[in-house]
Amino acid sequence: MPNPVAENFIDTKEVLLNPGISRATLNNYIKMEIIPRPIVQKPMTPGSGAKKIGCFPQAVIARIEQVMLLKREGHSMENIVNRLRGVPVDEQPAESGLETTLHPGDGWVVEQKRIGVKDESLKFTIENVNLPAYLLDYSFRVQWINDRADDEVFGKTINLAKKGFSGNVFELFFQWEFHKRVRNWKDMIAFHLSVAKIKYAKSWMENLYPGISRDEIAVLQEIYDNVAPFERQTINDIPISLLTGDGSTKGYKVYTLFAREGILFMYRRVDFLG
């Protein structure tokens, strides 16, 4: 008979490896009471050599990722602890406000609901997105991209699993293939940096992705100094022109949607920008 505890729990090693945290950080989160203390039991895999191991509910992974996201968004650790302490890891903390969640499928399901308010929700669906679109997390790594964005924006298939590729969108903007395709590539950097400037200081760019050069950092910091922070709303539309390698200009309205999982960018072609 399967052990229901074993099926719903993971060991300490997996907790450390999955989100990528240190044992010291894990212990701190336990002391802060934002994740539960481990349950000590026999190893779930035979032949491990250990007689007893610490196990956590699988939902601990999502809780740690939630803490990491809140930290990236600029919340202090004190604020995070006040928000999460005592809340079971399989529940969302009670709060007011509007939460936006993206559910990938054949298209995108975008669900918005008011937290902590009964029977007050708004749900709308974007079916089969036929615009060039991609989703960036709050570290500006590409989490999802469709074929039209590959073709119309980047001019090549973006392989998110490619060895040596960090997934960071700014790394893509610095590739020579992109410069050859989009002459005003710095405008694309400026647009995305204006979004990043909502949360990040200038020093954030120094370790943006592995292998970033001093020249690339200098370009980013110069552009950063000359852009205004993006005016964050739930949904925005911004005019963008791409000057292509053949000398033609393509106009777009770029729609951005901020969600818990990241920022969705969608490009709609327009004949002219006014």
C-alpha atoms as a PDB file:
ATOM      1  CA  MET A   1       0.000   0.000   0.000  1.00  0.00           C
ATOM      2  CA  PRO A   2       1.524   3.376  -0.982  1.00  0.00           C
ATOM      3  CA  ASN A   3       2.576   5.681   1.818  1.00  0.00           C
ATOM      4  CA  PRO A   4       0.471   8.898   1.504  1.00  0.00           C
ATOM      5  CA  VAL A   5       3.076  10.842   3.479  1.00  0.00           C
ATOM      6  CA  ALA A   6       5.857   9.760   1.137  1.00  0.00           C
ATOM      7  CA  GLU A   7       3.780  10.638  -1.919  1.00  0.00           C
ATOM      8  CA  ASN A   8       3.149  14.177  -0.730  1.00  0.00           C
ATOM      9  CA  PHE A   9       6.530  14.966   0.800  1.00  0.00           C
ATOM     10  CA  ILE A  10      10.016  15.634  -0.563  1.00  0.00           C
ATOM     11  CA  ASP A  11      13.347  15.398   1.190  1.00  0.00           C
ATOM     12  CA  THR A  12      15.612  18.259   2.215  1.00  0.00           C
ATOM     13  CA  LYS A  13      18.031  17.693  -0.670  1.00  0.00           C
ATOM     14  CA  GLU A  14      15.283  18.223  -3.245  1.00  0.00           C
ATOM     15  CA  VAL A  15      14.089  21.351  -1.451  1.00  0.00           C
ATOM     16  CA  LEU A  16      17.602  22.803  -1.635  1.00  0.00           C
ATOM     17  CA  LEU A  17      18.181  21.885  -5.281  1.00  0.00           C
ATOM     18  CA  ASN A  18      14.829  22.781  -6.806  1.00  0.00           C
ATOM     19  CA  PRO A  19      14.620  26.515  -6.031  1.00  0.00           C
ATOM     20  CA  GLY A  20      18.403  26.699  -5.564  1.00  0.00           C
ATOM     21  CA  ILE A  21      18.798  27.903  -1.970  1.00  0.00           C
ATOM     22  CA  SER A  22      21.404  27.191   0.693  1.00  0.00           C
ATOM     23  CA  ARG A  23      20.835  25.090   3.788  1.00  0.00           C
ATOM     24  CA  ALA A  24      21.386  28.223   5.893  1.00  0.00           C
ATOM     25  CA  THR A  25      18.589  30.018   4.014  1.00  0.00           C
ATOM     26  CA  LEU A  26      16.287  27.035   4.464  1.00  0.00           C
ATOM     27  CA  ASN A  27      17.004  27.004   8.206  1.00  0.00           C
ATOM     28  CA  ASN A  28      16.310  30.746   8.393  1.00  0.00           C
ATOM     29  CA  TYR A  29      12.944  30.318   6.680  1.00  0.00           C
ATOM     30  CA  ILE A  30      12.070  27.605   9.210  1.00  0.00           C
ATOM     31  CA  LYS A  31      13.073  29.879  12.117  1.00  0.00           C
ATOM     32  CA  MET A  32      11.002  32.704  10.612  1.00  0.00           C
ATOM     33  CA  GLU A  33       8.043  30.294  10.483  1.00  0.00           C
ATOM     34  CA  ILE A  34       7.307  30.910   6.805  1.00  0.00           C
ATOM     35  CA  ILE A  35       7.846  27.225   6.038  1.00  0.00           C
ATOM     36  CA  PRO A  36       7.132  24.350   8.430  1.00  0.00           C
ATOM     37  CA  ARG A  37       9.724  22.309  10.270  1.00  0.00           C
ATOM     38  CA  PRO A  38      10.600  19.045   8.499  1.00  0.00           C
ATOM     39  CA  ILE A  39       9.086  15.729   9.456  1.00  0.00           C
ATOM     40  CA  VAL A  40      11.748  13.137  10.242  1.00  0.00           C
ATOM     41  CA  GLN A  41      11.044   9.750   8.668  1.00  0.00           C
ATOM     42  CA  LYS A  42      12.688   6.844   6.885  1.00  0.00           C
ATOM     43  CA  PRO A  43      14.214   7.559   3.425  1.00  0.00           C
ATOM     44  CA  MET A  44      11.680   7.440   0.615  1.00  0.00           C
ATOM     45  CA  THR A  45      14.230   5.792  -1.710  1.00  0.00           C
ATOM     46  CA  PRO A  46      15.881   2.542  -0.599  1.00  0.00           C
ATOM     47  CA  GLY A  47      19.644   2.291  -0.432  1.00  0.00           C
ATOM     48  CA  SER A  48      20.257   5.945   0.366  1.00  0.00           C
ATOM     49  CA  GLY A  49      22.424   5.061   3.356  1.00  0.00           C
ATOM     50  CA  ALA A  50      20.581   7.353   5.743  1.00  0.00           C
ATOM     51  CA  LYS A  51      18.377   5.903   8.481  1.00  0.00           C
ATOM     52  CA  LYS A  52      16.339   9.067   8.946  1.00  0.00           C
ATOM     53  CA  ILE A  53      15.840  12.130   6.751  1.00  0.00           C
ATOM     54  CA  GLY A  54      13.934  15.402   6.997  1.00  0.00           C
ATOM     55  CA  CYS A  55      10.934  15.732   4.691  1.00  0.00           C
ATOM     56  CA  PHE A  56       8.794  18.719   3.725  1.00  0.00           C
ATOM     57  CA  PRO A  57       5.393  19.057   2.025  1.00  0.00           C
ATOM     58  CA  GLN A  58       5.817  19.440  -1.741  1.00  0.00           C
ATOM     59  CA  ALA A  59       4.115  22.844  -1.495  1.00  0.00           C
ATOM     60  CA  VAL A  60       7.246  24.160   0.257  1.00  0.00           C
ATOM     61  CA  ILE A  61       8.857  24.567  -3.199  1.00  0.00           C
ATOM     62  CA  ALA A  62       6.117  26.973  -4.294  1.00  0.00           C
ATOM     63  CA  ARG A  63       6.407  28.853  -0.983  1.00  0.00           C
ATOM     64  CA  ILE A  64      10.169  29.349  -1.408  1.00  0.00           C
ATOM     65  CA  GLU A  65       9.671  30.494  -5.015  1.00  0.00           C
ATOM     66  CA  GLN A  66       7.048  32.938  -3.716  1.00  0.00           C
ATOM     67  CA  VAL A  67       9.568  34.345  -1.219  1.00  0.00           C
ATOM     68  CA  MET A  68      12.193  34.687  -3.970  1.00  0.00           C
ATOM     69  CA  LEU A  69       9.707  36.521  -6.216  1.00  0.00           C
ATOM     70  CA  LEU A  70       8.688  38.905  -3.439  1.00  0.00           C
ATOM     71  CA  LYS A  71      12.348  39.677  -2.751  1.00  0.00           C
ATOM     72  CA  ARG A  72      12.949  40.399  -6.462  1.00  0.00           C
ATOM     73  CA  GLU A  73       9.947  42.705  -6.407  1.00  0.00           C
ATOM     74  CA  GLY A  74      11.625  44.747  -3.662  1.00  0.00           C
ATOM     75  CA  HIS A  75       9.765  43.560  -0.561  1.00  0.00           C
ATOM     76  CA  SER A  76      11.782  43.539   2.654  1.00  0.00           C
ATOM     77  CA  MET A  77      12.276  40.258   4.494  1.00  0.00           C
ATOM     78  CA  GLU A  78      10.331  41.696   7.436  1.00  0.00           C
ATOM     79  CA  ASN A  79       7.380  42.407   5.154  1.00  0.00           C
ATOM     80  CA  ILE A  80       7.570  38.914   3.657  1.00  0.00           C
ATOM     81  CA  VAL A  81       7.646  37.281   7.088  1.00  0.00           C
ATOM     82  CA  ASN A  82       4.652  39.324   8.273  1.00  0.00           C
ATOM     83  CA  ARG A  83       2.803  38.291   5.133  1.00  0.00           C
ATOM     84  CA  LEU A  84       3.570  34.567   5.212  1.00  0.00           C
ATOM     85  CA  ARG A  85       4.205  33.594   8.847  1.00  0.00           C
ATOM     86  CA  GLY A  86       1.644  31.110  10.044  1.00  0.00           C
ATOM     87  CA  VAL A  87       0.005  30.706   6.639  1.00  0.00           C
ATOM     88  CA  PRO A  88      -0.018  27.008   5.615  1.00  0.00           C
ATOM     89  CA  VAL A  89       2.228  26.422   2.596  1.00  0.00           C
ATOM     90  CA  ASP A  90      -0.692  25.077   0.573  1.00  0.00           C
ATOM     91  CA  GLU A  91      -2.679  28.290   1.070  1.00  0.00           C
ATOM     92  CA  GLN A  92      -2.253  31.826  -0.242  1.00  0.00           C
ATOM     93  CA  PRO A  93      -1.898  34.565   2.397  1.00  0.00           C
ATOM     94  CA  ALA A  94      -4.986  36.665   2.969  1.00  0.00           C
ATOM     95  CA  GLU A  95      -4.623  40.129   1.485  1.00  0.00           C
ATOM     96  CA  SER A  96      -6.619  42.682  -0.390  1.00  0.00           C
ATOM     97  CA  GLY A  97      -5.937  43.767  -3.929  1.00  0.00           C
ATOM     98  CA  LEU A  98      -6.056  42.274  -7.399  1.00  0.00           C
ATOM     99  CA  GLU A  99      -4.098  39.154  -8.313  1.00  0.00           C
ATOM    100  CA  THR A 100      -3.369  38.287 -11.927  1.00  0.00           C
ATOM    101  CA  THR A 101      -2.513  34.712 -12.904  1.00  0.00           C
ATOM    102  CA  LEU A 102      -1.504  33.403 -16.319  1.00  0.00           C
ATOM    103  CA  HIS A 103      -2.372  29.825 -17.254  1.00  0.00           C
ATOM    104  CA  PRO A 104      -0.599  28.629 -20.442  1.00  0.00           C
ATOM    105  CA  GLY A 105      -2.546  26.328 -22.689  1.00  0.00           C
ATOM    106  CA  ASP A 106      -3.566  26.436 -26.341  1.00  0.00           C
ATOM    107  CA  GLY A 107      -3.781  30.163 -25.788  1.00  0.00           C
ATOM    108  CA  TRP A 108      -3.460  32.096 -22.546  1.00  0.00           C
ATOM    109  CA  VAL A 109      -5.994  32.171 -19.774  1.00  0.00           C
ATOM    110  CA  VAL A 110      -5.609  35.371 -17.810  1.00  0.00           C
ATOM    111  CA  GLU A 111      -7.462  35.272 -14.529  1.00  0.00           C
ATOM    112  CA  GLN A 112      -7.776  38.229 -12.205  1.00  0.00           C
ATOM    113  CA  LYS A 113      -9.396  37.929  -8.782  1.00  0.00           C
ATOM    114  CA  ARG A 114      -9.673  40.061  -5.712  1.00  0.00           C
ATOM    115  CA  ILE A 115      -7.852  38.426  -2.832  1.00  0.00           C
ATOM    116  CA  GLY A 116      -9.681  38.079   0.457  1.00  0.00           C
ATOM    117  CA  VAL A 117     -13.005  39.234  -1.007  1.00  0.00           C
ATOM    118  CA  LYS A 118     -15.696  36.630  -1.532  1.00  0.00           C
ATOM    119  CA  ASP A 119     -17.544  36.419  -4.843  1.00  0.00           C
ATOM    120  CA  GLU A 120     -15.653  39.340  -6.389  1.00  0.00           C
ATOM    121  CA  SER A 121     -13.684  38.052  -9.332  1.00  0.00           C
ATOM    122  CA  LEU A 122     -13.022  38.896 -12.936  1.00  0.00           C
ATOM    123  CA  LYS A 123     -11.894  36.256 -15.389  1.00  0.00           C
ATOM    124  CA  PHE A 124     -11.135  36.750 -19.033  1.00  0.00           C
ATOM    125  CA  THR A 125      -9.443  34.528 -21.601  1.00  0.00           C
ATOM    126  CA  ILE A 126      -7.086  35.247 -24.479  1.00  0.00           C
ATOM    127  CA  GLU A 127      -7.624  32.323 -26.798  1.00  0.00           C
ATOM    128  CA  ASN A 128      -4.940  31.187 -29.225  1.00  0.00           C
ATOM    129  CA  VAL A 129      -2.713  34.252 -29.186  1.00  0.00           C
ATOM    130  CA  ASN A 130      -2.030  35.099 -32.831  1.00  0.00           C
ATOM    131  CA  LEU A 131       0.278  38.022 -32.067  1.00  0.00           C
ATOM    132  CA  PRO A 132       4.038  37.778 -31.583  1.00  0.00           C
ATOM    133  CA  ALA A 133       4.294  37.245 -27.829  1.00  0.00           C
ATOM    134  CA  TYR A 134       6.691  36.207 -25.082  1.00  0.00           C
ATOM    135  CA  LEU A 135       6.659  35.969 -21.304  1.00  0.00           C
ATOM    136  CA  LEU A 136       9.571  37.236 -19.188  1.00  0.00           C
ATOM    137  CA  ASP A 137      10.001  36.509 -15.502  1.00  0.00           C
ATOM    138  CA  TYR A 138      11.000  39.353 -13.180  1.00  0.00           C
ATOM    139  CA  SER A 139      14.678  38.635 -13.806  1.00  0.00           C
ATOM    140  CA  PHE A 140      13.922  39.223 -17.511  1.00  0.00           C
ATOM    141  CA  ARG A 141      14.529  35.624 -18.529  1.00  0.00           C
ATOM    142  CA  VAL A 142      12.340  34.291 -21.332  1.00  0.00           C
ATOM    143  CA  GLN A 143       9.912  31.740 -19.894  1.00  0.00           C
ATOM    144  CA  TRP A 144       7.760  31.257 -22.996  1.00  0.00           C
ATOM    145  CA  ILE A 145       7.805  32.536 -26.574  1.00  0.00           C
ATOM    146  CA  ASN A 146       5.616  31.743 -29.559  1.00  0.00           C
ATOM    147  CA  ASP A 147       6.652  31.109 -33.163  1.00  0.00           C
ATOM    148  CA  ARG A 148       5.509  34.526 -34.363  1.00  0.00           C
ATOM    149  CA  ALA A 149       7.754  36.317 -31.869  1.00  0.00           C
ATOM    150  CA  ASP A 150      10.639  34.075 -32.937  1.00  0.00           C
ATOM    151  CA  ASP A 151      10.059  35.119 -36.542  1.00  0.00           C
ATOM    152  CA  GLU A 152       8.925  38.746 -36.368  1.00  0.00           C
ATOM    153  CA  VAL A 153      10.819  40.072 -33.349  1.00  0.00           C
ATOM    154  CA  PHE A 154      14.009  38.040 -33.070  1.00  0.00           C
ATOM    155  CA  GLY A 155      14.288  36.606 -36.573  1.00  0.00           C
ATOM    156  CA  LYS A 156      15.247  33.157 -35.365  1.00  0.00           C
ATOM    157  CA  THR A 157      13.979  30.333 -33.194  1.00  0.00           C
ATOM    158  CA  ILE A 158      14.817  31.032 -29.565  1.00  0.00           C
ATOM    159  CA  ASN A 159      15.884  27.739 -28.011  1.00  0.00           C
ATOM    160  CA  LEU A 160      15.322  28.199 -24.272  1.00  0.00           C
ATOM    161  CA  ALA A 161      17.105  24.927 -23.562  1.00  0.00           C
ATOM    162  CA  LYS A 162      20.220  25.801 -25.568  1.00  0.00           C
ATOM    163  CA  LYS A 163      23.386  25.096 -23.645  1.00  0.00           C
ATOM    164  CA  GLY A 164      25.126  28.270 -22.544  1.00  0.00           C
ATOM    165  CA  PHE A 165      22.068  30.497 -23.013  1.00  0.00           C
ATOM    166  CA  SER A 166      20.942  32.187 -19.816  1.00  0.00           C
ATOM    167  CA  GLY A 167      17.478  32.901 -21.175  1.00  0.00           C
ATOM    168  CA  ASN A 168      17.883  36.614 -20.430  1.00  0.00           C
ATOM    169  CA  VAL A 169      16.237  38.786 -23.071  1.00  0.00           C
ATOM    170  CA  PHE A 170      19.014  41.403 -22.913  1.00  0.00           C
ATOM    171  CA  GLU A 171      21.526  38.731 -23.912  1.00  0.00           C
ATOM    172  CA  LEU A 172      19.422  38.212 -27.050  1.00  0.00           C
ATOM    173  CA  PHE A 173      19.412  41.949 -27.795  1.00  0.00           C
ATOM    174  CA  PHE A 174      23.227  42.018 -27.727  1.00  0.00           C
ATOM    175  CA  GLN A 175      23.665  39.183 -30.225  1.00  0.00           C
ATOM    176  CA  TRP A 176      25.081  40.301 -33.576  1.00  0.00           C
ATOM    177  CA  GLU A 177      22.296  38.486 -35.446  1.00  0.00           C
ATOM    178  CA  PHE A 178      19.772  40.749 -33.741  1.00  0.00           C
ATOM    179  CA  HIS A 179      21.819  43.876 -34.537  1.00  0.00           C
ATOM    180  CA  LYS A 180      21.908  42.813 -38.193  1.00  0.00           C
ATOM    181  CA  ARG A 181      18.136  42.327 -38.224  1.00  0.00           C
ATOM    182  CA  VAL A 182      17.130  45.362 -36.117  1.00  0.00           C
ATOM    183  CA  ARG A 183      19.236  48.459 -36.677  1.00  0.00           C
ATOM    184  CA  ASN A 184      17.668  50.351 -33.787  1.00  0.00           C
ATOM    185  CA  TRP A 185      18.325  47.498 -31.348  1.00  0.00           C
ATOM    186  CA  LYS A 186      19.129  50.005 -28.609  1.00  0.00           C
ATOM    187  CA  ASP A 187      15.505  51.140 -28.720  1.00  0.00           C
ATOM    188  CA  MET A 188      14.437  47.610 -27.787  1.00  0.00           C
ATOM    189  CA  ILE A 189      16.907  47.626 -24.919  1.00  0.00           C
ATOM    190  CA  ALA A 190      15.595  51.025 -23.793  1.00  0.00           C
ATOM    191  CA  PHE A 191      11.995  49.800 -23.825  1.00  0.00           C
ATOM    192  CA  HIS A 192      12.745  46.738 -21.703  1.00  0.00           C
ATOM    193  CA  LEU A 193      15.044  48.708 -19.373  1.00  0.00           C
ATOM    194  CA  SER A 194      12.236  51.178 -18.721  1.00  0.00           C
ATOM    195  CA  VAL A 195      10.219  48.208 -17.470  1.00  0.00           C
ATOM    196  CA  ALA A 196      13.150  46.936 -15.398  1.00  0.00           C
ATOM    197  CA  LYS A 197      13.679  50.400 -13.905  1.00  0.00           C
ATOM    198  CA  ILE A 198      10.411  50.010 -12.005  1.00  0.00           C
ATOM    199  CA  LYS A 199      12.199  47.671  -9.604  1.00  0.00           C
ATOM    200  CA  TYR A 200      15.931  47.600 -10.233  1.00  0.00           C
ATOM    201  CA  ALA A 201      18.802  49.957  -9.513  1.00  0.00           C
ATOM    202  CA  LYS A 202      21.578  50.616 -12.009  1.00  0.00           C
ATOM    203  CA  SER A 203      23.943  48.145 -10.312  1.00  0.00           C
ATOM    204  CA  TRP A 204      21.521  45.286 -11.090  1.00  0.00           C
ATOM    205  CA  MET A 205      22.902  45.076 -14.639  1.00  0.00           C
ATOM    206  CA  GLU A 206      26.462  44.210 -13.614  1.00  0.00           C
ATOM    207  CA  ASN A 207      25.591  40.509 -13.183  1.00  0.00           C
ATOM    208  CA  LEU A 208      22.585  40.342 -15.460  1.00  0.00           C
ATOM    209  CA  TYR A 209      23.668  37.114 -17.147  1.00  0.00           C
ATOM    210  CA  PRO A 210      26.793  34.921 -17.228  1.00  0.00           C
ATOM    211  CA  GLY A 211      29.493  36.259 -19.527  1.00  0.00           C
ATOM    212  CA  ILE A 212      28.129  39.789 -19.799  1.00  0.00           C
ATOM    213  CA  SER A 213      30.958  42.068 -20.988  1.00  0.00           C
ATOM    214  CA  ARG A 214      32.050  45.409 -19.612  1.00  0.00           C
ATOM    215  CA  ASP A 215      31.039  47.020 -22.910  1.00  0.00           C
ATOM    216  CA  GLU A 216      27.542  45.538 -22.653  1.00  0.00           C
ATOM    217  CA  ILE A 217      27.221  46.735 -19.058  1.00  0.00           C
ATOM    218  CA  ALA A 218      28.314  50.237 -20.124  1.00  0.00           C
ATOM    219  CA  VAL A 219      25.672  50.316 -22.885  1.00  0.00           C
ATOM    220  CA  LEU A 220      22.966  49.140 -20.487  1.00  0.00           C
ATOM    221  CA  GLN A 221      23.894  51.660 -17.815  1.00  0.00           C
ATOM    222  CA  GLU A 222      24.038  54.549 -20.291  1.00  0.00           C
ATOM    223  CA  ILE A 223      20.586  53.686 -21.633  1.00  0.00           C
ATOM    224  CA  TYR A 224      19.275  53.131 -18.095  1.00  0.00           C
ATOM    225  CA  ASP A 225      20.266  56.708 -17.180  1.00  0.00           C
ATOM    226  CA  ASN A 226      18.263  58.074 -20.096  1.00  0.00           C
ATOM    227  CA  VAL A 227      14.966  56.218 -19.755  1.00  0.00           C
ATOM    228  CA  ALA A 228      12.074  56.933 -17.442  1.00  0.00           C
ATOM    229  CA  PRO A 229      10.636  54.117 -15.324  1.00  0.00           C
ATOM    230  CA  PHE A 230       7.732  52.377 -17.008  1.00  0.00           C
ATOM    231  CA  GLU A 231       4.313  53.498 -15.811  1.00  0.00           C
ATOM    232  CA  ARG A 232       3.115  50.235 -14.390  1.00  0.00           C
ATOM    233  CA  GLN A 233      -0.523  49.419 -14.959  1.00  0.00           C
ATOM    234  CA  THR A 234      -2.244  46.072 -15.329  1.00  0.00           C
ATOM    235  CA  ILE A 235      -2.149  46.381 -19.141  1.00  0.00           C
ATOM    236  CA  ASN A 236      -0.197  48.939 -21.205  1.00  0.00           C
ATOM    237  CA  ASP A 237       0.261  49.590 -24.918  1.00  0.00           C
ATOM    238  CA  ILE A 238       3.454  51.261 -26.121  1.00  0.00           C
ATOM    239  CA  PRO A 239       4.359  52.234 -29.716  1.00  0.00           C
ATOM    240  CA  ILE A 240       7.554  50.605 -31.011  1.00  0.00           C
ATOM    241  CA  SER A 241       9.219  50.920 -34.429  1.00  0.00           C
ATOM    242  CA  LEU A 242      11.724  48.335 -35.660  1.00  0.00           C
ATOM    243  CA  LEU A 243      14.127  49.551 -38.327  1.00  0.00           C
ATOM    244  CA  THR A 244      15.008  46.360 -40.184  1.00  0.00           C
ATOM    245  CA  GLY A 245      18.230  45.449 -41.917  1.00  0.00           C
ATOM    246  CA  ASP A 246      16.767  46.087 -45.373  1.00  0.00           C
ATOM    247  CA  GLY A 247      15.943  49.691 -44.419  1.00  0.00           C
ATOM    248  CA  SER A 248      12.194  49.225 -43.957  1.00  0.00           C
ATOM    249  CA  THR A 249      10.350  50.170 -40.774  1.00  0.00           C
ATOM    250  CA  LYS A 250       7.796  48.010 -39.016  1.00  0.00           C
ATOM    251  CA  GLY A 251       5.460  49.642 -36.518  1.00  0.00           C
ATOM    252  CA  TYR A 252       3.985  47.858 -33.518  1.00  0.00           C
ATOM    253  CA  LYS A 253       1.863  48.544 -30.499  1.00  0.00           C
ATOM    254  CA  VAL A 254       3.381  46.462 -27.705  1.00  0.00           C
ATOM    255  CA  TYR A 255       0.897  45.357 -25.075  1.00  0.00           C
ATOM    256  CA  THR A 256       2.359  44.451 -21.697  1.00  0.00           C
ATOM    257  CA  LEU A 257       0.541  42.597 -18.973  1.00  0.00           C
ATOM    258  CA  PHE A 258       2.005  42.301 -15.470  1.00  0.00           C
ATOM    259  CA  ALA A 259       1.154  39.054 -13.724  1.00  0.00           C
ATOM    260  CA  ARG A 260       2.392  37.047 -10.777  1.00  0.00           C
ATOM    261  CA  GLU A 261       4.422  34.796 -13.091  1.00  0.00           C
ATOM    262  CA  GLY A 262       6.056  37.632 -15.013  1.00  0.00           C
ATOM    263  CA  ILE A 263       5.418  40.144 -17.787  1.00  0.00           C
ATOM    264  CA  LEU A 264       3.663  39.189 -21.018  1.00  0.00           C
ATOM    265  CA  PHE A 265       4.662  41.193 -24.137  1.00  0.00           C
ATOM    266  CA  MET A 266       2.430  41.065 -27.236  1.00  0.00           C
ATOM    267  CA  TYR A 267       3.224  42.893 -30.511  1.00  0.00           C
ATOM    268  CA  ARG A 268       0.441  44.124 -32.815  1.00  0.00           C
ATOM    269  CA  ARG A 269       1.428  45.458 -36.254  1.00  0.00           C
ATOM    270  CA  VAL A 270       0.242  48.946 -37.129  1.00  0.00           C
ATOM    271  CA  ASP A 271       0.600  50.816 -40.415  1.00  0.00           C
ATOM    272  CA  PHE A 272       1.949  53.931 -38.747  1.00  0.00           C
ATOM    273  CA  LEU A 273       2.616  55.249 -35.273  1.00  0.00           C
ATOM    274  CA  GLY A 274       1.120  58.549 -34.282  1.00  0.00           C
END
